Amino acid sequence: MLEQIKILLGITDTESDALLGIMIDDARSAIISYLNRKDFPDGLNFAIREMVVKAYKESVSGGVASVNRGDTSISYTTIDSSCFDEKLLRAFSKYKKIRMD
C-alpha cells in the first residue's frame, strides 16, 4: 500500500514514509469505523489510496482546511469520515454492516 501511494504521489525517497504510514492507518480506521466492521475489506484498498493521496497533497500545500478570524480558529487536514465523497460512500455501501443495538 505504501509503495503504491508513493508512486501516485511521485515520491521516490523514504522521508515521508512515517507520515504516509500514519495517514494509511487513519484512513483504514475511519473506513472500518464507518462500516461497523472489525476487518478491512480488500476491495476497498483503493479508498485508502484516494484518501491518503488527497490528504497528503493538502498537507503539503499548507495543510490548513479552514481559518476563522473571529476568536481565531484554524483546523488542519485530517483523515476521518468527513473525507468520504459520494464515490467512496457508494463503494462502502456494499460492505457496510448495520448495527442492531
N, C-alpha and C. Protein backbone atom coordinates (compact mmCIF):
# COMPACT_ATOMS: atom_id res chain seq x y z
N MET A 1 0.83 -1.20 0.00
CA MET A 1 0.00 0.00 0.00
C MET A 1 0.88 1.26 0.00
N LEU A 2 1.87 1.31 0.90
CA LEU A 2 2.75 2.47 0.98
C LEU A 2 3.43 2.74 -0.35
N GLU A 3 3.96 1.71 -0.97
CA GLU A 3 4.68 1.89 -2.24
C GLU A 3 3.75 2.40 -3.34
N GLN A 4 2.51 1.89 -3.37
CA GLN A 4 1.55 2.34 -4.37
C GLN A 4 1.23 3.82 -4.19
N ILE A 5 1.06 4.24 -2.95
CA ILE A 5 0.76 5.65 -2.68
C ILE A 5 1.94 6.53 -3.05
N LYS A 6 3.14 6.08 -2.76
CA LYS A 6 4.33 6.86 -3.12
C LYS A 6 4.44 7.01 -4.63
N ILE A 7 4.09 5.97 -5.38
CA ILE A 7 4.10 6.05 -6.84
C ILE A 7 3.09 7.09 -7.31
N LEU A 8 1.88 7.04 -6.75
CA LEU A 8 0.85 8.01 -7.14
C LEU A 8 1.26 9.44 -6.84
N LEU A 9 2.01 9.62 -5.76
CA LEU A 9 2.45 10.96 -5.37
C LEU A 9 3.78 11.37 -6.01
N GLY A 10 4.44 10.43 -6.67
CA GLY A 10 5.73 10.73 -7.28
C GLY A 10 6.85 10.84 -6.26
N ILE A 11 6.73 10.17 -5.13
CA ILE A 11 7.74 10.21 -4.07
C ILE A 11 8.69 9.04 -4.27
N THR A 12 9.99 9.35 -4.30
CA THR A 12 10.98 8.29 -4.53
C THR A 12 11.87 8.03 -3.31
N ASP A 13 11.84 8.92 -2.32
CA ASP A 13 12.68 8.72 -1.14
C ASP A 13 11.83 8.17 0.02
N THR A 14 12.44 8.03 1.18
CA THR A 14 11.74 7.47 2.34
C THR A 14 11.40 8.54 3.38
N GLU A 15 11.63 9.79 3.05
CA GLU A 15 11.44 10.88 4.00
C GLU A 15 10.00 10.99 4.52
N SER A 16 9.03 10.68 3.68
CA SER A 16 7.62 10.82 4.07
C SER A 16 6.97 9.50 4.49
N ASP A 17 7.73 8.44 4.57
CA ASP A 17 7.16 7.12 4.87
C ASP A 17 6.41 7.08 6.20
N ALA A 18 6.95 7.68 7.23
CA ALA A 18 6.29 7.65 8.55
C ALA A 18 4.96 8.38 8.49
N LEU A 19 4.94 9.57 7.90
CA LEU A 19 3.71 10.33 7.78
C LEU A 19 2.68 9.58 6.95
N LEU A 20 3.09 9.03 5.82
CA LEU A 20 2.17 8.27 4.97
C LEU A 20 1.64 7.05 5.71
N GLY A 21 2.48 6.40 6.50
CA GLY A 21 2.04 5.25 7.28
C GLY A 21 0.95 5.62 8.26
N ILE A 22 1.10 6.75 8.92
CA ILE A 22 0.07 7.23 9.85
C ILE A 22 -1.21 7.54 9.09
N MET A 23 -1.09 8.17 7.94
CA MET A 23 -2.27 8.51 7.14
C MET A 23 -2.99 7.25 6.67
N ILE A 24 -2.24 6.24 6.29
CA ILE A 24 -2.83 4.96 5.87
C ILE A 24 -3.61 4.35 7.02
N ASP A 25 -3.00 4.33 8.21
CA ASP A 25 -3.67 3.79 9.39
C ASP A 25 -4.94 4.57 9.72
N ASP A 26 -4.87 5.90 9.64
CA ASP A 26 -6.04 6.74 9.92
C ASP A 26 -7.16 6.48 8.93
N ALA A 27 -6.82 6.36 7.65
CA ALA A 27 -7.83 6.11 6.63
C ALA A 27 -8.48 4.74 6.85
N ARG A 28 -7.66 3.74 7.12
CA ARG A 28 -8.19 2.39 7.37
C ARG A 28 -9.12 2.40 8.58
N SER A 29 -8.72 3.07 9.65
CA SER A 29 -9.55 3.14 10.86
C SER A 29 -10.87 3.86 10.60
N ALA A 30 -10.81 4.95 9.85
CA ALA A 30 -12.03 5.71 9.54
C ALA A 30 -13.01 4.86 8.73
N ILE A 31 -12.48 4.11 7.79
CA ILE A 31 -13.34 3.26 6.95
C ILE A 31 -13.94 2.13 7.78
N ILE A 32 -13.12 1.46 8.57
CA ILE A 32 -13.61 0.36 9.40
C ILE A 32 -14.69 0.86 10.36
N SER A 33 -14.47 2.00 10.96
CA SER A 33 -15.45 2.57 11.88
C SER A 33 -16.76 2.88 11.16
N TYR A 34 -16.67 3.50 10.00
CA TYR A 34 -17.87 3.85 9.23
C TYR A 34 -18.65 2.60 8.84
N LEU A 35 -17.93 1.55 8.48
CA LEU A 35 -18.57 0.32 8.01
C LEU A 35 -19.10 -0.55 9.15
N ASN A 36 -18.80 -0.19 10.40
CA ASN A 36 -19.18 -1.00 11.56
C ASN A 36 -18.61 -2.42 11.47
N ARG A 37 -17.35 -2.49 11.08
CA ARG A 37 -16.69 -3.79 10.91
C ARG A 37 -15.45 -3.86 11.81
N LYS A 38 -14.97 -5.09 11.99
CA LYS A 38 -13.71 -5.30 12.69
C LYS A 38 -12.59 -5.60 11.71
N ASP A 39 -12.95 -6.06 10.52
CA ASP A 39 -11.98 -6.38 9.48
C ASP A 39 -12.01 -5.29 8.41
N PHE A 40 -11.02 -5.32 7.54
CA PHE A 40 -10.98 -4.36 6.44
C PHE A 40 -11.14 -5.12 5.12
N PRO A 41 -12.18 -4.81 4.34
CA PRO A 41 -12.38 -5.49 3.07
C PRO A 41 -11.31 -5.11 2.04
N ASP A 42 -10.67 -6.12 1.45
CA ASP A 42 -9.63 -5.86 0.45
C ASP A 42 -10.14 -5.05 -0.73
N GLY A 43 -11.42 -5.16 -1.02
CA GLY A 43 -12.00 -4.44 -2.15
C GLY A 43 -12.01 -2.93 -1.97
N LEU A 44 -11.64 -2.45 -0.78
CA LEU A 44 -11.65 -1.01 -0.51
C LEU A 44 -10.25 -0.42 -0.39
N ASN A 45 -9.24 -1.15 -0.81
CA ASN A 45 -7.87 -0.61 -0.77
C ASN A 45 -7.76 0.67 -1.58
N PHE A 46 -8.51 0.76 -2.68
CA PHE A 46 -8.46 1.97 -3.50
C PHE A 46 -8.89 3.20 -2.69
N ALA A 47 -9.83 3.00 -1.76
CA ALA A 47 -10.33 4.12 -0.95
C ALA A 47 -9.23 4.68 -0.06
N ILE A 48 -8.43 3.80 0.52
CA ILE A 48 -7.31 4.26 1.34
C ILE A 48 -6.36 5.07 0.48
N ARG A 49 -6.04 4.55 -0.70
CA ARG A 49 -5.11 5.26 -1.59
C ARG A 49 -5.65 6.65 -1.93
N GLU A 50 -6.92 6.73 -2.31
CA GLU A 50 -7.51 8.02 -2.68
C GLU A 50 -7.49 9.00 -1.51
N MET A 51 -7.87 8.53 -0.33
CA MET A 51 -7.93 9.41 0.83
C MET A 51 -6.55 9.91 1.23
N VAL A 52 -5.57 9.02 1.22
CA VAL A 52 -4.21 9.39 1.63
C VAL A 52 -3.59 10.35 0.62
N VAL A 53 -3.75 10.07 -0.66
CA VAL A 53 -3.18 10.95 -1.69
C VAL A 53 -3.77 12.36 -1.55
N LYS A 54 -5.09 12.44 -1.39
CA LYS A 54 -5.74 13.75 -1.25
C LYS A 54 -5.26 14.48 0.00
N ALA A 55 -5.24 13.77 1.13
CA ALA A 55 -4.83 14.40 2.40
C ALA A 55 -3.36 14.80 2.35
N TYR A 56 -2.51 13.99 1.75
CA TYR A 56 -1.08 14.32 1.67
C TYR A 56 -0.88 15.58 0.83
N LYS A 57 -1.56 15.65 -0.30
CA LYS A 57 -1.43 16.84 -1.16
C LYS A 57 -1.90 18.09 -0.42
N GLU A 58 -2.98 17.96 0.35
CA GLU A 58 -3.46 19.11 1.12
C GLU A 58 -2.47 19.49 2.21
N SER A 59 -1.84 18.50 2.85
CA SER A 59 -0.89 18.81 3.92
C SER A 59 0.38 19.45 3.38
N VAL A 60 0.78 19.04 2.19
CA VAL A 60 1.98 19.62 1.57
C VAL A 60 1.74 21.08 1.18
N SER A 61 0.49 21.38 0.83
CA SER A 61 0.17 22.75 0.43
C SER A 61 -0.20 23.62 1.62
N GLY A 62 0.16 23.22 2.80
CA GLY A 62 -0.09 24.02 3.99
C GLY A 62 -0.91 23.30 5.03
N GLY A 63 -1.74 22.38 4.58
CA GLY A 63 -2.49 21.56 5.50
C GLY A 63 -3.62 22.24 6.23
N VAL A 64 -3.89 23.48 5.92
CA VAL A 64 -4.96 24.19 6.62
C VAL A 64 -6.26 23.96 5.86
N ALA A 65 -7.24 23.37 6.54
CA ALA A 65 -8.54 23.10 5.92
C ALA A 65 -9.45 24.31 6.01
N SER A 66 -9.40 25.06 7.10
CA SER A 66 -10.23 26.25 7.24
C SER A 66 -9.62 27.21 8.25
N VAL A 67 -9.95 28.48 8.09
CA VAL A 67 -9.47 29.51 9.02
C VAL A 67 -10.65 30.42 9.35
N ASN A 68 -10.89 30.67 10.62
CA ASN A 68 -11.90 31.63 11.07
C ASN A 68 -11.16 32.73 11.81
N ARG A 69 -11.56 33.96 11.61
CA ARG A 69 -10.83 35.06 12.24
C ARG A 69 -11.45 35.50 13.57
N GLY A 70 -12.77 35.48 13.68
CA GLY A 70 -13.41 35.87 14.92
C GLY A 70 -13.15 34.84 16.00
N ASP A 71 -12.42 35.19 17.03
CA ASP A 71 -11.98 34.29 18.11
C ASP A 71 -10.99 33.23 17.62
N THR A 72 -10.43 33.40 16.46
CA THR A 72 -9.37 32.59 15.88
C THR A 72 -9.60 31.09 15.98
N SER A 73 -9.79 30.46 14.87
CA SER A 73 -9.94 29.01 14.79
C SER A 73 -9.26 28.53 13.52
N ILE A 74 -8.31 27.63 13.63
CA ILE A 74 -7.60 27.07 12.48
C ILE A 74 -7.73 25.56 12.57
N SER A 75 -8.14 24.91 11.49
CA SER A 75 -8.21 23.45 11.51
C SER A 75 -7.33 22.90 10.39
N TYR A 76 -6.70 21.79 10.67
CA TYR A 76 -5.77 21.18 9.73
C TYR A 76 -6.39 19.94 9.09
N THR A 77 -5.82 19.54 7.97
CA THR A 77 -6.30 18.38 7.24
C THR A 77 -6.16 17.13 8.10
N THR A 78 -7.27 16.43 8.27
CA THR A 78 -7.26 15.16 8.98
C THR A 78 -7.94 14.12 8.11
N ILE A 79 -7.68 12.88 8.41
CA ILE A 79 -8.33 11.80 7.68
C ILE A 79 -9.36 11.19 8.61
N ASP A 80 -10.63 11.42 8.28
CA ASP A 80 -11.74 10.85 9.04
C ASP A 80 -12.93 10.71 8.10
N SER A 81 -14.09 10.43 8.64
CA SER A 81 -15.26 10.20 7.78
C SER A 81 -15.67 11.43 6.97
N SER A 82 -15.19 12.60 7.34
CA SER A 82 -15.51 13.79 6.55
C SER A 82 -14.80 13.77 5.18
N CYS A 83 -13.86 12.88 5.01
CA CYS A 83 -13.13 12.75 3.74
C CYS A 83 -13.87 11.90 2.72
N PHE A 84 -14.96 11.26 3.14
CA PHE A 84 -15.68 10.37 2.24
C PHE A 84 -16.51 11.17 1.23
N ASP A 85 -16.21 11.00 -0.05
CA ASP A 85 -17.01 11.65 -1.08
C ASP A 85 -18.09 10.67 -1.56
N GLU A 86 -18.90 11.09 -2.50
CA GLU A 86 -20.01 10.26 -2.98
C GLU A 86 -19.52 8.94 -3.58
N LYS A 87 -18.42 8.99 -4.31
CA LYS A 87 -17.87 7.77 -4.92
C LYS A 87 -17.51 6.75 -3.84
N LEU A 88 -16.84 7.21 -2.78
CA LEU A 88 -16.45 6.30 -1.71
C LEU A 88 -17.67 5.78 -0.97
N LEU A 89 -18.64 6.64 -0.70
CA LEU A 89 -19.83 6.19 0.02
C LEU A 89 -20.60 5.13 -0.76
N ARG A 90 -20.65 5.27 -2.08
CA ARG A 90 -21.29 4.24 -2.90
C ARG A 90 -20.53 2.92 -2.79
N ALA A 91 -19.21 2.99 -2.83
CA ALA A 91 -18.40 1.77 -2.72
C ALA A 91 -18.56 1.14 -1.34
N PHE A 92 -18.65 1.97 -0.30
CA PHE A 92 -18.78 1.47 1.06
C PHE A 92 -20.10 0.75 1.29
N SER A 93 -21.15 1.17 0.59
CA SER A 93 -22.48 0.61 0.84
C SER A 93 -22.50 -0.91 0.67
N LYS A 94 -21.66 -1.42 -0.18
CA LYS A 94 -21.58 -2.86 -0.41
C LYS A 94 -21.02 -3.61 0.81
N TYR A 95 -20.23 -2.93 1.63
CA TYR A 95 -19.53 -3.57 2.75
C TYR A 95 -20.04 -3.17 4.13
N LYS A 96 -20.93 -2.19 4.19
CA LYS A 96 -21.38 -1.66 5.49
C LYS A 96 -22.24 -2.67 6.23
N LYS A 97 -21.96 -2.84 7.51
CA LYS A 97 -22.76 -3.70 8.37
C LYS A 97 -23.67 -2.82 9.22
N ILE A 98 -24.88 -3.25 9.39
CA ILE A 98 -25.85 -2.49 10.16
C ILE A 98 -25.81 -2.96 11.61
N ARG A 99 -25.75 -2.01 12.53
CA ARG A 99 -25.75 -2.35 13.96
C ARG A 99 -27.17 -2.45 14.46
N MET A 100 -27.41 -3.45 15.25
CA MET A 100 -28.72 -3.64 15.88
C MET A 100 -28.51 -3.58 17.39
N ASP A 101 -28.59 -2.37 17.96
CA ASP A 101 -28.35 -2.21 19.40
C ASP A 101 -29.58 -2.46 20.21
